[in-house]
């Protein structure tokens, strides 16, 4: 369980930083969406990455609520 917790915690923090950059980019009038920059035109891959981040966040909350 400790390994799973570490993985989902890392993914959740990474997702938070990435969404923070998207929001900051909105204020600055720039595109700071790192996931979009990495995947380029592969929008399906981008959506898969966001779904993985979402699942990681749900699992993180679930694990945290059981401790």
C-alpha atoms as a PDB file:
ATOM      1  CA  UNK A   1       0.000   0.000   0.000  1.00  0.00           C
ATOM      2  CA  UNK A   2       2.925   2.323   0.689  1.00  0.00           C
ATOM      3  CA  UNK A   3       4.141   2.078  -2.917  1.00  0.00           C
ATOM      4  CA  UNK A   4       0.656   2.783  -4.282  1.00  0.00           C
ATOM      5  CA  UNK A   5       0.364   5.767  -1.958  1.00  0.00           C
ATOM      6  CA  UNK A   6       3.710   7.137  -3.163  1.00  0.00           C
ATOM      7  CA  UNK A   7       2.736   6.751  -6.816  1.00  0.00           C
ATOM      8  CA  UNK A   8      -0.685   8.395  -6.524  1.00  0.00           C
ATOM      9  CA  UNK A   9       0.710  11.140  -4.290  1.00  0.00           C
ATOM     10  CA  UNK A  10       3.383  11.953  -6.869  1.00  0.00           C
ATOM     11  CA  UNK A  11       0.869  11.934  -9.740  1.00  0.00           C
ATOM     12  CA  UNK A  12      -1.542  14.137  -7.781  1.00  0.00           C
ATOM     13  CA  UNK A  13       1.161  16.690  -6.963  1.00  0.00           C
ATOM     14  CA  UNK A  14       2.346  16.664 -10.574  1.00  0.00           C
ATOM     15  CA  UNK A  15      -1.217  17.195 -11.806  1.00  0.00           C
ATOM     16  CA  UNK A  16      -1.659  20.088  -9.386  1.00  0.00           C
ATOM     17  CA  UNK A  17       1.502  21.774 -10.628  1.00  0.00           C
ATOM     18  CA  UNK A  18       0.486  21.266 -14.260  1.00  0.00           C
ATOM     19  CA  UNK A  19      -2.996  22.704 -13.698  1.00  0.00           C
ATOM     20  CA  UNK A  20      -1.411  25.594 -11.784  1.00  0.00           C
ATOM     21  CA  UNK A  21       0.707  26.333 -14.850  1.00  0.00           C
ATOM     22  CA  UNK A  22      -2.409  26.240 -17.058  1.00  0.00           C
ATOM     23  CA  UNK A  23      -4.094  28.777 -14.768  1.00  0.00           C
ATOM     24  CA  UNK A  24      -1.009  30.978 -14.599  1.00  0.00           C
ATOM     25  CA  UNK A  25      -0.756  30.864 -18.371  1.00  0.00           C
ATOM     26  CA  UNK A  26      -4.355  32.050 -18.585  1.00  0.00           C
ATOM     27  CA  UNK A  27      -3.486  35.120 -16.508  1.00  0.00           C
ATOM     28  CA  UNK A  28      -0.335  35.782 -18.515  1.00  0.00           C
ATOM     29  CA  UNK A  29      -1.984  35.220 -21.894  1.00  0.00           C
ATOM     30  CA  UNK A  30       0.326  32.311 -22.710  1.00  0.00           C
ATOM     31  CA  UNK A  31      -0.138  28.590 -23.216  1.00  0.00           C
ATOM     32  CA  UNK A  32       1.704  26.903 -20.348  1.00  0.00           C
ATOM     33  CA  UNK A  33      -0.045  23.541 -20.757  1.00  0.00           C
ATOM     34  CA  UNK A  34       2.979  21.235 -20.496  1.00  0.00           C
ATOM     35  CA  UNK A  35       0.945  18.101 -21.266  1.00  0.00           C
ATOM     36  CA  UNK A  36      -0.285  19.661 -24.503  1.00  0.00           C
ATOM     37  CA  UNK A  37       3.256  20.706 -25.383  1.00  0.00           C
ATOM     38  CA  UNK A  38       4.611  17.198 -24.778  1.00  0.00           C
ATOM     39  CA  UNK A  39       1.873  15.345 -26.657  1.00  0.00           C
ATOM     40  CA  UNK A  40       1.723  17.932 -29.461  1.00  0.00           C
ATOM     41  CA  UNK A  41      -1.185  16.912 -31.705  1.00  0.00           C
ATOM     42  CA  UNK A  42      -1.960  13.612 -29.981  1.00  0.00           C
ATOM     43  CA  UNK A  43      -5.094  14.777 -28.193  1.00  0.00           C
ATOM     44  CA  UNK A  44      -6.146  11.230 -27.264  1.00  0.00           C
ATOM     45  CA  UNK A  45      -2.838  10.757 -25.436  1.00  0.00           C
ATOM     46  CA  UNK A  46      -3.379  14.076 -23.674  1.00  0.00           C
ATOM     47  CA  UNK A  47      -6.824  12.956 -22.517  1.00  0.00           C
ATOM     48  CA  UNK A  48      -5.407   9.639 -21.310  1.00  0.00           C
ATOM     49  CA  UNK A  49      -2.814  11.501 -19.235  1.00  0.00           C
ATOM     50  CA  UNK A  50      -5.514  13.684 -17.673  1.00  0.00           C
ATOM     51  CA  UNK A  51      -7.665  10.629 -16.912  1.00  0.00           C
ATOM     52  CA  UNK A  52      -4.674   8.960 -15.206  1.00  0.00           C
ATOM     53  CA  UNK A  53      -4.172  12.115 -13.123  1.00  0.00           C
ATOM     54  CA  UNK A  54      -7.869  12.101 -12.195  1.00  0.00           C
ATOM     55  CA  UNK A  55      -7.828   8.434 -11.198  1.00  0.00           C
ATOM     56  CA  UNK A  56      -4.677   9.035  -9.147  1.00  0.00           C
ATOM     57  CA  UNK A  57      -6.393  11.887  -7.300  1.00  0.00           C
ATOM     58  CA  UNK A  58      -9.449   9.743  -6.499  1.00  0.00           C
ATOM     59  CA  UNK A  59      -7.263   6.866  -5.292  1.00  0.00           C
ATOM     60  CA  UNK A  60      -5.181   9.284  -3.209  1.00  0.00           C
ATOM     61  CA  UNK A  61      -8.294  10.643  -1.503  1.00  0.00           C
ATOM     62  CA  UNK A  62      -9.585   7.110  -0.946  1.00  0.00           C
ATOM     63  CA  UNK A  63      -6.304   5.913   0.580  1.00  0.00           C
ATOM     64  CA  UNK A  64      -5.988   9.048   2.713  1.00  0.00           C
ATOM     65  CA  UNK A  65      -9.499   8.648   4.091  1.00  0.00           C
ATOM     66  CA  UNK A  66      -8.776   5.082   5.233  1.00  0.00           C
ATOM     67  CA  UNK A  67      -5.729   6.012   7.345  1.00  0.00           C
END
